[in-house]
PDB file of N, CA and C in Angstrom:
ATOM      1  N   UNK A   1       9.502   1.400  19.346  1.00  0.00           N
ATOM      2  CA  UNK A   1       9.496   1.227  17.913  1.00  0.00           C
ATOM      3  C   UNK A   1       8.090   1.508  17.387  1.00  0.00           C
ATOM      4  N   UNK A   2       7.993   2.482  16.491  1.00  0.00           N
ATOM      5  CA  UNK A   2       6.695   2.795  15.893  1.00  0.00           C
ATOM      6  C   UNK A   2       6.477   1.937  14.654  1.00  0.00           C
ATOM      7  N   UNK A   3       5.212   1.502  14.503  1.00  0.00           N
ATOM      8  CA  UNK A   3       4.848   0.650  13.379  1.00  0.00           C
ATOM      9  C   UNK A   3       4.022   1.435  12.377  1.00  0.00           C
ATOM     10  N   UNK A   4       4.351   1.254  11.092  1.00  0.00           N
ATOM     11  CA  UNK A   4       3.608   1.917  10.034  1.00  0.00           C
ATOM     12  C   UNK A   4       3.070   0.913   9.035  1.00  0.00           C
ATOM     13  N   UNK A   5       1.986   1.295   8.387  1.00  0.00           N
ATOM     14  CA  UNK A   5       1.393   0.502   7.312  1.00  0.00           C
ATOM     15  C   UNK A   5       1.269   1.390   6.088  1.00  0.00           C
ATOM     16  N   UNK A   6       1.824   0.928   4.984  1.00  0.00           N
ATOM     17  CA  UNK A   6       1.671   1.607   3.700  1.00  0.00           C
ATOM     18  C   UNK A   6       0.777   0.751   2.810  1.00  0.00           C
ATOM     19  N   UNK A   7      -0.320   1.332   2.366  1.00  0.00           N
ATOM     20  CA  UNK A   7      -1.171   0.667   1.381  1.00  0.00           C
ATOM     21  C   UNK A   7      -0.721   1.208   0.028  1.00  0.00           C
ATOM     22  N   UNK A   8      -0.109   0.343  -0.759  1.00  0.00           N
ATOM     23  CA  UNK A   8       0.524   0.739  -2.012  1.00  0.00           C
ATOM     24  C   UNK A   8      -0.336   0.340  -3.199  1.00  0.00           C
ATOM     25  N   UNK A   9      -0.813   1.337  -3.921  1.00  0.00           N
ATOM     26  CA  UNK A   9      -1.658   1.109  -5.091  1.00  0.00           C
ATOM     27  C   UNK A   9      -0.917   1.519  -6.364  1.00  0.00           C
ATOM     28  N   UNK A  10      -1.492   1.176  -7.481  1.00  0.00           N
ATOM     29  CA  UNK A  10      -0.878   1.463  -8.780  1.00  0.00           C
ATOM     30  C   UNK A  10      -0.792   2.943  -9.062  1.00  0.00           C
ATOM     31  N   UNK A  11      -1.918   3.635  -8.928  1.00  0.00           N
ATOM     32  CA  UNK A  11      -2.005   5.033  -9.335  1.00  0.00           C
ATOM     33  C   UNK A  11      -2.761   5.131 -10.651  1.00  0.00           C
ATOM     34  N   UNK A  12      -3.270   6.307 -10.942  1.00  0.00           N
ATOM     35  CA  UNK A  12      -4.108   6.495 -12.122  1.00  0.00           C
ATOM     36  C   UNK A  12      -4.115   7.966 -12.507  1.00  0.00           C
ATOM     37  N   UNK A  13      -4.523   8.227 -13.731  1.00  0.00           N
ATOM     38  CA  UNK A  13      -4.704   9.611 -14.181  1.00  0.00           C
ATOM     39  C   UNK A  13      -6.078  10.140 -13.764  1.00  0.00           C
ATOM     40  N   UNK A  14      -6.909   9.269 -13.208  1.00  0.00           N
ATOM     41  CA  UNK A  14      -8.268   9.622 -12.810  1.00  0.00           C
ATOM     42  C   UNK A  14      -8.270  10.035 -11.338  1.00  0.00           C
ATOM     43  N   UNK A  15      -8.704  11.259 -11.050  1.00  0.00           N
ATOM     44  CA  UNK A  15      -8.688  11.792  -9.682  1.00  0.00           C
ATOM     45  C   UNK A  15      -9.514  10.964  -8.701  1.00  0.00           C
ATOM     46  N   UNK A  16     -10.577  10.362  -9.182  1.00  0.00           N
ATOM     47  CA  UNK A  16     -11.453   9.577  -8.312  1.00  0.00           C
ATOM     48  C   UNK A  16     -10.693   8.434  -7.624  1.00  0.00           C
ATOM     49  N   UNK A  17      -9.622   7.983  -8.239  1.00  0.00           N
ATOM     50  CA  UNK A  17      -8.808   6.918  -7.662  1.00  0.00           C
ATOM     51  C   UNK A  17      -8.343   7.296  -6.265  1.00  0.00           C
ATOM     52  N   UNK A  18      -7.864   8.512  -6.116  1.00  0.00           N
ATOM     53  CA  UNK A  18      -7.370   8.955  -4.818  1.00  0.00           C
ATOM     54  C   UNK A  18      -8.499   9.049  -3.795  1.00  0.00           C
ATOM     55  N   UNK A  19      -9.663   9.446  -4.227  1.00  0.00           N
ATOM     56  CA  UNK A  19     -10.809   9.522  -3.314  1.00  0.00           C
ATOM     57  C   UNK A  19     -11.179   8.134  -2.798  1.00  0.00           C
ATOM     58  N   UNK A  20     -11.141   7.157  -3.681  1.00  0.00           N
ATOM     59  CA  UNK A  20     -11.459   5.782  -3.276  1.00  0.00           C
ATOM     60  C   UNK A  20     -10.384   5.248  -2.335  1.00  0.00           C
ATOM     61  N   UNK A  21      -9.118   5.511  -2.649  1.00  0.00           N
ATOM     62  CA  UNK A  21      -8.031   5.058  -1.771  1.00  0.00           C
ATOM     63  C   UNK A  21      -8.133   5.707  -0.398  1.00  0.00           C
ATOM     64  N   UNK A  22      -8.524   6.965  -0.358  1.00  0.00           N
ATOM     65  CA  UNK A  22      -8.693   7.659   0.921  1.00  0.00           C
ATOM     66  C   UNK A  22      -9.777   6.987   1.751  1.00  0.00           C
ATOM     67  N   UNK A  23     -10.848   6.557   1.116  1.00  0.00           N
ATOM     68  CA  UNK A  23     -11.910   5.847   1.831  1.00  0.00           C
ATOM     69  C   UNK A  23     -11.398   4.523   2.407  1.00  0.00           C
ATOM     70  N   UNK A  24     -10.614   3.788   1.607  1.00  0.00           N
ATOM     71  CA  UNK A  24     -10.025   2.540   2.119  1.00  0.00           C
ATOM     72  C   UNK A  24      -9.097   2.836   3.284  1.00  0.00           C
ATOM     73  N   UNK A  25      -8.280   3.867   3.138  1.00  0.00           N
ATOM     74  CA  UNK A  25      -7.334   4.241   4.184  1.00  0.00           C
ATOM     75  C   UNK A  25      -8.058   4.556   5.489  1.00  0.00           C
ATOM     76  N   UNK A  26      -9.116   5.350   5.396  1.00  0.00           N
ATOM     77  CA  UNK A  26      -9.889   5.709   6.592  1.00  0.00           C
ATOM     78  C   UNK A  26     -10.537   4.489   7.227  1.00  0.00           C
ATOM     79  N   UNK A  27     -11.060   3.588   6.396  1.00  0.00           N
ATOM     80  CA  UNK A  27     -11.727   2.387   6.917  1.00  0.00           C
ATOM     81  C   UNK A  27     -10.737   1.459   7.611  1.00  0.00           C
ATOM     82  N   UNK A  28      -9.530   1.367   7.082  1.00  0.00           N
ATOM     83  CA  UNK A  28      -8.524   0.464   7.626  1.00  0.00           C
ATOM     84  C   UNK A  28      -7.829   1.063   8.845  1.00  0.00           C
ATOM     85  N   UNK A  29      -7.535   2.331   8.807  1.00  0.00           N
ATOM     86  CA  UNK A  29      -6.726   2.985   9.851  1.00  0.00           C
ATOM     87  C   UNK A  29      -7.229   2.735  11.258  1.00  0.00           C
ATOM     88  N   UNK A  30      -8.524   2.815  11.454  1.00  0.00           N
ATOM     89  CA  UNK A  30      -9.099   2.665  12.790  1.00  0.00           C
ATOM     90  C   UNK A  30      -9.202   1.212  13.241  1.00  0.00           C
ATOM     91  N   UNK A  31      -8.957   0.280  12.331  1.00  0.00           N
ATOM     92  CA  UNK A  31      -9.179  -1.129  12.654  1.00  0.00           C
ATOM     93  C   UNK A  31      -7.907  -1.953  12.757  1.00  0.00           C
ATOM     94  N   UNK A  32      -6.752  -1.327  12.549  1.00  0.00           N
ATOM     95  CA  UNK A  32      -5.491  -2.066  12.621  1.00  0.00           C
ATOM     96  C   UNK A  32      -4.596  -1.459  13.697  1.00  0.00           C
ATOM     97  N   UNK A  33      -3.652  -2.223  14.168  1.00  0.00           N
ATOM     98  CA  UNK A  33      -2.811  -1.775  15.276  1.00  0.00           C
ATOM     99  C   UNK A  33      -1.510  -1.111  14.866  1.00  0.00           C
ATOM    100  N   UNK A  34      -1.564  -0.196  13.936  1.00  0.00           N
ATOM    101  CA  UNK A  34      -0.372   0.521  13.494  1.00  0.00           C
ATOM    102  C   UNK A  34      -0.409   1.950  14.030  1.00  0.00           C
ATOM    103  N   UNK A  35       0.773   2.501  14.293  1.00  0.00           N
ATOM    104  CA  UNK A  35       0.850   3.876  14.766  1.00  0.00           C
ATOM    105  C   UNK A  35       0.498   4.867  13.672  1.00  0.00           C
ATOM    106  N   UNK A  36       0.813   4.496  12.436  1.00  0.00           N
ATOM    107  CA  UNK A  36       0.533   5.386  11.314  1.00  0.00           C
ATOM    108  C   UNK A  36       0.204   4.545  10.086  1.00  0.00           C
ATOM    109  N   UNK A  37      -0.828   4.952   9.352  1.00  0.00           N
ATOM    110  CA  UNK A  37      -1.251   4.271   8.130  1.00  0.00           C
ATOM    111  C   UNK A  37      -1.285   5.314   7.021  1.00  0.00           C
ATOM    112  N   UNK A  38      -0.636   4.995   5.905  1.00  0.00           N
ATOM    113  CA  UNK A  38      -0.557   5.920   4.777  1.00  0.00           C
ATOM    114  C   UNK A  38      -0.817   5.179   3.476  1.00  0.00           C
ATOM    115  N   UNK A  39      -1.264   5.928   2.484  1.00  0.00           N
ATOM    116  CA  UNK A  39      -1.396   5.392   1.130  1.00  0.00           C
ATOM    117  C   UNK A  39      -0.222   5.900   0.311  1.00  0.00           C
ATOM    118  N   UNK A  40       0.149   5.129  -0.698  1.00  0.00           N
ATOM    119  CA  UNK A  40       1.189   5.541  -1.639  1.00  0.00           C
ATOM    120  C   UNK A  40       0.835   4.970  -3.004  1.00  0.00           C
ATOM    121  N   UNK A  41       1.360   5.615  -4.025  1.00  0.00           N
ATOM    122  CA  UNK A  41       1.115   5.171  -5.397  1.00  0.00           C
ATOM    123  C   UNK A  41       2.439   4.853  -6.068  1.00  0.00           C
ATOM    124  N   UNK A  42       2.432   3.788  -6.845  1.00  0.00           N
ATOM    125  CA  UNK A  42       3.630   3.370  -7.556  1.00  0.00           C
ATOM    126  C   UNK A  42       3.952   4.330  -8.700  1.00  0.00           C
ATOM    127  N   UNK A  43       2.918   4.833  -9.344  1.00  0.00           N
ATOM    128  CA  UNK A  43       3.131   5.748 -10.467  1.00  0.00           C
ATOM    129  C   UNK A  43       1.907   6.614 -10.714  1.00  0.00           C
ATOM    130  N   UNK A  44       2.094   7.691 -11.435  1.00  0.00           N
ATOM    131  CA  UNK A  44       1.052   8.603 -11.919  1.00  0.00           C
ATOM    132  C   UNK A  44       0.372   9.472 -10.872  1.00  0.00           C
ATOM    133  N   UNK A  45       0.521   9.178  -9.591  1.00  0.00           N
ATOM    134  CA  UNK A  45      -0.164   9.942  -8.557  1.00  0.00           C
ATOM    135  C   UNK A  45       0.754  10.169  -7.362  1.00  0.00           C
ATOM    136  N   UNK A  46       0.362  11.109  -6.558  1.00  0.00           N
ATOM    137  CA  UNK A  46       1.061  11.376  -5.298  1.00  0.00           C
ATOM    138  C   UNK A  46       0.113  11.076  -4.143  1.00  0.00           C
ATOM    139  N   UNK A  47       0.640  10.645  -3.035  1.00  0.00           N
ATOM    140  CA  UNK A  47       2.040  10.588  -2.662  1.00  0.00           C
ATOM    141  C   UNK A  47       2.733   9.354  -3.251  1.00  0.00           C
ATOM    142  N   UNK A  48       3.984   9.538  -3.616  1.00  0.00           N
ATOM    143  CA  UNK A  48       4.801   8.453  -4.136  1.00  0.00           C
ATOM    144  C   UNK A  48       5.328   7.601  -2.982  1.00  0.00           C
ATOM    145  N   UNK A  49       5.903   6.489  -3.326  1.00  0.00           N
ATOM    146  CA  UNK A  49       6.524   5.621  -2.322  1.00  0.00           C
ATOM    147  C   UNK A  49       7.613   6.399  -1.577  1.00  0.00           C
ATOM    148  N   UNK A  50       8.408   7.151  -2.329  1.00  0.00           N
ATOM    149  CA  UNK A  50       9.488   7.922  -1.725  1.00  0.00           C
ATOM    150  C   UNK A  50       8.955   8.948  -0.723  1.00  0.00           C
ATOM    151  N   UNK A  51       7.884   9.627  -1.085  1.00  0.00           N
ATOM    152  CA  UNK A  51       7.292  10.637  -0.204  1.00  0.00           C
ATOM    153  C   UNK A  51       6.788  10.013   1.094  1.00  0.00           C
ATOM    154  N   UNK A  52       6.175   8.856   0.986  1.00  0.00           N
ATOM    155  CA  UNK A  52       5.618   8.201   2.173  1.00  0.00           C
ATOM    156  C   UNK A  52       6.731   7.642   3.053  1.00  0.00           C
ATOM    157  N   UNK A  53       7.783   7.114   2.452  1.00  0.00           N
ATOM    158  CA  UNK A  53       8.923   6.672   3.253  1.00  0.00           C
ATOM    159  C   UNK A  53       9.489   7.840   4.051  1.00  0.00           C
ATOM    160  N   UNK A  54       9.630   8.994   3.405  1.00  0.00           N
ATOM    161  CA  UNK A  54      10.140  10.184   4.086  1.00  0.00           C
ATOM    162  C   UNK A  54       9.227  10.575   5.247  1.00  0.00           C
ATOM    163  N   UNK A  55       7.926  10.499   5.012  1.00  0.00           N
ATOM    164  CA  UNK A  55       6.949  10.838   6.058  1.00  0.00           C
ATOM    165  C   UNK A  55       7.071   9.887   7.254  1.00  0.00           C
ATOM    166  N   UNK A  56       7.173   8.596   6.966  1.00  0.00           N
ATOM    167  CA  UNK A  56       7.346   7.620   8.044  1.00  0.00           C
ATOM    168  C   UNK A  56       8.653   7.885   8.793  1.00  0.00           C
ATOM    169  N   UNK A  57       9.709   8.164   8.058  1.00  0.00           N
ATOM    170  CA  UNK A  57      11.014   8.425   8.667  1.00  0.00           C
ATOM    171  C   UNK A  57      10.940   9.628   9.613  1.00  0.00           C
ATOM    172  N   UNK A  58      10.272  10.681   9.158  1.00  0.00           N
ATOM    173  CA  UNK A  58      10.121  11.889   9.986  1.00  0.00           C
ATOM    174  C   UNK A  58       9.303  11.622  11.243  1.00  0.00           C
ATOM    175  N   UNK A  59       8.414  10.626  11.198  1.00  0.00           N
ATOM    176  CA  UNK A  59       7.574  10.278  12.349  1.00  0.00           C
ATOM    177  C   UNK A  59       8.183   9.146  13.179  1.00  0.00           C
ATOM    178  N   UNK A  60       9.451   8.802  12.892  1.00  0.00           N
ATOM    179  CA  UNK A  60      10.186   7.769  13.631  1.00  0.00           C
ATOM    180  C   UNK A  60       9.581   6.377  13.508  1.00  0.00           C
ATOM    181  N   UNK A  61       8.962   6.082  12.375  1.00  0.00           N
ATOM    182  CA  UNK A  61       8.469   4.729  12.118  1.00  0.00           C
ATOM    183  C   UNK A  61       9.663   3.885  11.674  1.00  0.00           C
ATOM    184  N   UNK A  62       9.933   2.818  12.401  1.00  0.00           N
ATOM    185  CA  UNK A  62      11.072   1.965  12.074  1.00  0.00           C
ATOM    186  C   UNK A  62      10.663   0.541  11.716  1.00  0.00           C
ATOM    187  N   UNK A  63       9.382   0.267  11.799  1.00  0.00           N
ATOM    188  CA  UNK A  63       8.850  -1.055  11.460  1.00  0.00           C
ATOM    189  C   UNK A  63       7.707  -0.821  10.474  1.00  0.00           C
ATOM    190  N   UNK A  64       7.967  -1.109   9.197  1.00  0.00           N
ATOM    191  CA  UNK A  64       7.023  -0.744   8.134  1.00  0.00           C
ATOM    192  C   UNK A  64       6.497  -1.977   7.427  1.00  0.00           C
ATOM    193  N   UNK A  65       5.180  -2.096   7.384  1.00  0.00           N
ATOM    194  CA  UNK A  65       4.504  -3.149   6.642  1.00  0.00           C
ATOM    195  C   UNK A  65       3.897  -2.521   5.396  1.00  0.00           C
ATOM    196  N   UNK A  66       4.073  -3.193   4.266  1.00  0.00           N
ATOM    197  CA  UNK A  66       3.561  -2.673   3.000  1.00  0.00           C
ATOM    198  C   UNK A  66       2.588  -3.680   2.407  1.00  0.00           C
ATOM    199  N   UNK A  67       1.372  -3.223   2.149  1.00  0.00           N
ATOM    200  CA  UNK A  67       0.352  -4.038   1.497  1.00  0.00           C
ATOM    201  C   UNK A  67       0.196  -3.563   0.054  1.00  0.00           C
ATOM    202  N   UNK A  68       0.620  -4.374  -0.919  1.00  0.00           N
ATOM    203  CA  UNK A  68       0.382  -4.005  -2.319  1.00  0.00           C
ATOM    204  C   UNK A  68      -1.106  -4.213  -2.651  1.00  0.00           C
ATOM    205  N   UNK A  69      -1.789  -3.118  -2.928  1.00  0.00           N
ATOM    206  CA  UNK A  69      -3.219  -3.154  -3.215  1.00  0.00           C
ATOM    207  C   UNK A  69      -3.417  -3.471  -4.697  1.00  0.00           C
ATOM    208  N   UNK A  70      -2.992  -4.683  -5.077  1.00  0.00           N
ATOM    209  CA  UNK A  70      -3.044  -5.176  -6.447  1.00  0.00           C
ATOM    210  C   UNK A  70      -3.706  -6.548  -6.417  1.00  0.00           C
ATOM    211  N   UNK A  71      -4.519  -6.840  -7.427  1.00  0.00           N
ATOM    212  CA  UNK A  71      -5.137  -8.158  -7.489  1.00  0.00           C
ATOM    213  C   UNK A  71      -4.199  -9.160  -8.155  1.00  0.00           C
ATOM    214  N   UNK A  72      -3.562  -8.771  -9.246  1.00  0.00           N
ATOM    215  CA  UNK A  72      -2.787  -9.718 -10.044  1.00  0.00           C
ATOM    216  C   UNK A  72      -1.289  -9.629  -9.770  1.00  0.00           C
ATOM    217  N   UNK A  73      -0.596 -10.745  -9.989  1.00  0.00           N
ATOM    218  CA  UNK A  73       0.852 -10.835  -9.806  1.00  0.00           C
ATOM    219  C   UNK A  73       1.590 -10.466 -11.091  1.00  0.00           C
ATOM    220  N   UNK A  74       1.425  -9.250 -11.529  1.00  0.00           N
ATOM    221  CA  UNK A  74       2.102  -8.796 -12.742  1.00  0.00           C
ATOM    222  C   UNK A  74       3.489  -8.259 -12.435  1.00  0.00           C
ATOM    223  N   UNK A  75       4.047  -7.533 -13.407  1.00  0.00           N
ATOM    224  CA  UNK A  75       5.408  -7.014 -13.274  1.00  0.00           C
ATOM    225  C   UNK A  75       5.583  -6.040 -12.119  1.00  0.00           C
ATOM    226  N   UNK A  76       4.542  -5.313 -11.783  1.00  0.00           N
ATOM    227  CA  UNK A  76       4.670  -4.396 -10.648  1.00  0.00           C
ATOM    228  C   UNK A  76       4.943  -5.176  -9.363  1.00  0.00           C
ATOM    229  N   UNK A  77       4.253  -6.292  -9.183  1.00  0.00           N
ATOM    230  CA  UNK A  77       4.433  -7.118  -7.987  1.00  0.00           C
ATOM    231  C   UNK A  77       5.762  -7.877  -8.038  1.00  0.00           C
ATOM    232  N   UNK A  78       6.081  -8.425  -9.187  1.00  0.00           N
ATOM    233  CA  UNK A  78       7.267  -9.272  -9.311  1.00  0.00           C
ATOM    234  C   UNK A  78       8.572  -8.494  -9.444  1.00  0.00           C
ATOM    235  N   UNK A  79       8.517  -7.305 -10.066  1.00  0.00           N
ATOM    236  CA  UNK A  79       9.758  -6.584 -10.371  1.00  0.00           C
ATOM    237  C   UNK A  79       9.787  -5.180  -9.776  1.00  0.00           C
ATOM    238  N   UNK A  80       8.808  -4.354 -10.144  1.00  0.00           N
ATOM    239  CA  UNK A  80       8.867  -2.923  -9.820  1.00  0.00           C
ATOM    240  C   UNK A  80       8.843  -2.628  -8.324  1.00  0.00           C
ATOM    241  N   UNK A  81       7.933  -3.249  -7.598  1.00  0.00           N
ATOM    242  CA  UNK A  81       7.833  -2.981  -6.159  1.00  0.00           C
ATOM    243  C   UNK A  81       9.070  -3.487  -5.414  1.00  0.00           C
ATOM    244  N   UNK A  82       9.528  -4.730  -5.664  1.00  0.00           N
ATOM    245  CA  UNK A  82      10.758  -5.153  -4.986  1.00  0.00           C
ATOM    246  C   UNK A  82      11.961  -4.248  -5.291  1.00  0.00           C
ATOM    247  N   UNK A  83      12.080  -3.789  -6.537  1.00  0.00           N
ATOM    248  CA  UNK A  83      13.183  -2.882  -6.876  1.00  0.00           C
ATOM    249  C   UNK A  83      13.062  -1.555  -6.132  1.00  0.00           C
ATOM    250  N   UNK A  84      11.852  -1.017  -6.064  1.00  0.00           N
ATOM    251  CA  UNK A  84      11.615   0.239  -5.355  1.00  0.00           C
ATOM    252  C   UNK A  84      11.944   0.088  -3.866  1.00  0.00           C
ATOM    253  N   UNK A  85      11.552  -1.030  -3.281  1.00  0.00           N
ATOM    254  CA  UNK A  85      11.819  -1.246  -1.862  1.00  0.00           C
ATOM    255  C   UNK A  85      13.304  -1.472  -1.588  1.00  0.00           C
ATOM    256  N   UNK A  86      13.996  -2.034  -2.544  1.00  0.00           N
ATOM    257  CA  UNK A  86      15.450  -2.179  -2.400  1.00  0.00           C
ATOM    258  C   UNK A  86      16.112  -0.797  -2.362  1.00  0.00           C
ATOM    259  N   UNK A  87      15.642   0.119  -3.206  1.00  0.00           N
ATOM    260  CA  UNK A  87      16.134   1.506  -3.182  1.00  0.00           C
ATOM    261  C   UNK A  87      15.858   2.152  -1.822  1.00  0.00           C
ATOM    262  N   UNK A  88      14.645   1.950  -1.314  1.00  0.00           N
ATOM    263  CA  UNK A  88      14.267   2.559  -0.042  1.00  0.00           C
ATOM    264  C   UNK A  88      15.078   1.980   1.113  1.00  0.00           C
ATOM    265  N   UNK A  89      15.416   0.695   1.033  1.00  0.00           N
ATOM    266  CA  UNK A  89      16.229   0.055   2.062  1.00  0.00           C
ATOM    267  C   UNK A  89      17.609   0.709   2.135  1.00  0.00           C
ATOM    268  N   UNK A  90      18.143   1.067   0.990  1.00  0.00           N
ATOM    269  CA  UNK A  90      19.456   1.732   0.962  1.00  0.00           C
ATOM    270  C   UNK A  90      19.375   3.139   1.549  1.00  0.00           C
ATOM    271  N   UNK A  91      18.265   3.834   1.296  1.00  0.00           N
ATOM    272  CA  UNK A  91      18.094   5.188   1.819  1.00  0.00           C
ATOM    273  C   UNK A  91      17.735   5.210   3.308  1.00  0.00           C
ATOM    274  N   UNK A  92      16.999   4.191   3.741  1.00  0.00           N
ATOM    275  CA  UNK A  92      16.520   4.118   5.127  1.00  0.00           C
ATOM    276  C   UNK A  92      16.900   2.762   5.724  1.00  0.00           C
ATOM    277  N   UNK A  93      18.193   2.529   5.958  1.00  0.00           N
ATOM    278  CA  UNK A  93      18.639   1.199   6.402  1.00  0.00           C
ATOM    279  C   UNK A  93      18.126   0.780   7.780  1.00  0.00           C
ATOM    280  N   UNK A  94      17.692   1.714   8.596  1.00  0.00           N
ATOM    281  CA  UNK A  94      17.207   1.368   9.939  1.00  0.00           C
ATOM    282  C   UNK A  94      15.725   0.998   9.960  1.00  0.00           C
ATOM    283  N   UNK A  95      15.062   1.149   8.815  1.00  0.00           N
ATOM    284  CA  UNK A  95      13.639   0.821   8.742  1.00  0.00           C
ATOM    285  C   UNK A  95      13.492  -0.643   8.329  1.00  0.00           C
ATOM    286  N   UNK A  96      12.830  -1.415   9.184  1.00  0.00           N
ATOM    287  CA  UNK A  96      12.532  -2.821   8.882  1.00  0.00           C
ATOM    288  C   UNK A  96      11.302  -2.843   7.975  1.00  0.00           C
ATOM    289  N   UNK A  97      11.438  -3.475   6.823  1.00  0.00           N
ATOM    290  CA  UNK A  97      10.351  -3.504   5.835  1.00  0.00           C
ATOM    291  C   UNK A  97       9.816  -4.926   5.715  1.00  0.00           C
ATOM    292  N   UNK A  98       8.505  -5.023   5.801  1.00  0.00           N
ATOM    293  CA  UNK A  98       7.839  -6.312   5.593  1.00  0.00           C
ATOM    294  C   UNK A  98       6.838  -6.128   4.459  1.00  0.00           C
ATOM    295  N   UNK A  99       7.089  -6.795   3.340  1.00  0.00           N
ATOM    296  CA  UNK A  99       6.207  -6.714   2.177  1.00  0.00           C
ATOM    297  C   UNK A  99       5.225  -7.879   2.222  1.00  0.00           C
ATOM    298  N   UNK A 100       3.947  -7.540   2.334  1.00  0.00           N
ATOM    299  CA  UNK A 100       2.901  -8.566   2.349  1.00  0.00           C
ATOM    300  C   UNK A 100       2.588  -9.029   0.933  1.00  0.00           C
ATOM    301  N   UNK A 101       1.877 -10.137   0.828  1.00  0.00           N
ATOM    302  CA  UNK A 101       1.399 -10.583  -0.476  1.00  0.00           C
ATOM    303  C   UNK A 101       0.341  -9.603  -0.970  1.00  0.00           C
ATOM    304  N   UNK A 102       0.247  -9.479  -2.290  1.00  0.00           N
ATOM    305  CA  UNK A 102      -0.818  -8.661  -2.866  1.00  0.00           C
ATOM    306  C   UNK A 102      -2.171  -9.337  -2.624  1.00  0.00           C
ATOM    307  N   UNK A 103      -3.239  -8.648  -2.972  1.00  0.00           N
ATOM    308  CA  UNK A 103      -4.592  -9.152  -2.703  1.00  0.00           C
ATOM    309  C   UNK A 103      -4.812 -10.527  -3.341  1.00  0.00           C
ATOM    310  N   UNK A 104      -4.443 -10.675  -4.611  1.00  0.00           N
ATOM    311  CA  UNK A 104      -4.603 -11.964  -5.283  1.00  0.00           C
ATOM    312  C   UNK A 104      -6.041 -12.447  -5.257  1.00  0.00           C
ATOM    313  N   UNK A 105      -6.212 -13.767  -5.237  1.00  0.00           N
ATOM    314  CA  UNK A 105      -7.562 -14.314  -5.132  1.00  0.00           C
ATOM    315  C   UNK A 105      -7.970 -14.322  -3.673  1.00  0.00           C
ATOM    316  N   UNK A 106      -9.192 -13.893  -3.449  1.00  0.00           N
ATOM    317  CA  UNK A 106      -9.754 -13.931  -2.104  1.00  0.00           C
ATOM    318  C   UNK A 106     -11.238 -14.252  -2.247  1.00  0.00           C
ATOM    319  N   UNK A 107     -11.684 -15.268  -1.556  1.00  0.00           N
ATOM    320  CA  UNK A 107     -13.094 -15.685  -1.644  1.00  0.00           C
ATOM    321  C   UNK A 107     -14.033 -14.529  -1.316  1.00  0.00           C
ATOM    322  N   UNK A 108     -13.605 -13.614  -0.443  1.00  0.00           N
ATOM    323  CA  UNK A 108     -14.438 -12.451  -0.111  1.00  0.00           C
ATOM    324  C   UNK A 108     -14.665 -11.576  -1.338  1.00  0.00           C
ATOM    325  N   UNK A 109     -13.665 -11.481  -2.192  1.00  0.00           N
ATOM    326  CA  UNK A 109     -13.824 -10.710  -3.439  1.00  0.00           C
ATOM    327  C   UNK A 109     -14.799 -11.427  -4.381  1.00  0.00           C
ATOM    328  N   UNK A 110     -14.677 -12.751  -4.440  1.00  0.00           N
ATOM    329  CA  UNK A 110     -15.605 -13.522  -5.266  1.00  0.00           C
ATOM    330  C   UNK A 110     -17.032 -13.350  -4.752  1.00  0.00           C
ATOM    331  N   UNK A 111     -17.197 -13.362  -3.445  1.00  0.00           N
ATOM    332  CA  UNK A 111     -18.515 -13.154  -2.858  1.00  0.00           C
ATOM    333  C   UNK A 111     -19.056 -11.763  -3.188  1.00  0.00           C
ATOM    334  N   UNK A 112     -18.199 -10.766  -3.195  1.00  0.00           N
ATOM    335  CA  UNK A 112     -18.602  -9.415  -3.559  1.00  0.00           C
ATOM    336  C   UNK A 112     -19.071  -9.369  -5.016  1.00  0.00           C
ATOM    337  N   UNK A 113     -18.354 -10.038  -5.905  1.00  0.00           N
ATOM    338  CA  UNK A 113     -18.754 -10.084  -7.310  1.00  0.00           C
ATOM    339  C   UNK A 113     -20.111 -10.752  -7.437  1.00  0.00           C
ATOM    340  N   UNK A 114     -20.272 -11.884  -6.762  1.00  0.00           N
ATOM    341  CA  UNK A 114     -21.555 -12.595  -6.794  1.00  0.00           C
ATOM    342  C   UNK A 114     -22.678 -11.698  -6.290  1.00  0.00           C
ATOM    343  N   UNK A 115     -22.442 -10.990  -5.207  1.00  0.00           N
ATOM    344  CA  UNK A 115     -23.441 -10.076  -4.649  1.00  0.00           C
ATOM    345  C   UNK A 115     -23.792  -8.972  -5.658  1.00  0.00           C
ATOM    346  N   UNK A 116     -22.803  -8.442  -6.319  1.00  0.00           N
ATOM    347  CA  UNK A 116     -23.044  -7.328  -7.257  1.00  0.00           C
ATOM    348  C   UNK A 116     -23.789  -7.777  -8.513  1.00  0.00           C
ATOM    349  N   UNK A 117     -23.538  -8.984  -8.976  1.00  0.00           N
ATOM    350  CA  UNK A 117     -24.153  -9.420 -10.230  1.00  0.00           C
ATOM    351  C   UNK A 117     -25.439 -10.199 -10.016  1.00  0.00           C
ATOM    352  N   UNK A 118     -25.772 -10.526  -8.773  1.00  0.00           N
ATOM    353  CA  UNK A 118     -26.989 -11.312  -8.498  1.00  0.00           C
ATOM    354  C   UNK A 118     -28.230 -10.561  -8.973  1.00  0.00           C
ATOM    355  N   UNK A 119     -29.107 -11.322  -9.588  1.00  0.00           N
ATOM    356  CA  UNK A 119     -30.364 -10.742 -10.106  1.00  0.00           C
ATOM    357  C   UNK A 119     -31.497 -11.044  -9.137  1.00  0.00           C
TER     358      UNK A 119
END
């Protein structure tokens, strides 16, 4: 059974967003125990969730973990992502999907803010 990790971000009209996500993807890929790590965007950018599911399917990934790269628990976390994953479950019934909690509050993020604003 191959394991995959999808880092799912919002998406943006700004191209730099993809460059930043690629940097996160590269930093994470070498440090986690997944056979394949991919980024996906909920909207406005590619690759879409559907495209990444297809890619995992073609690579025989049957155990998929999804990390929503969102800080806040808005409608995307509460409604849009679960609905999208329900669609994907119907299309790929043999793929086990585990949806992790979004980033939310993390003391490490608070420490980063403190570091950035320190005078």
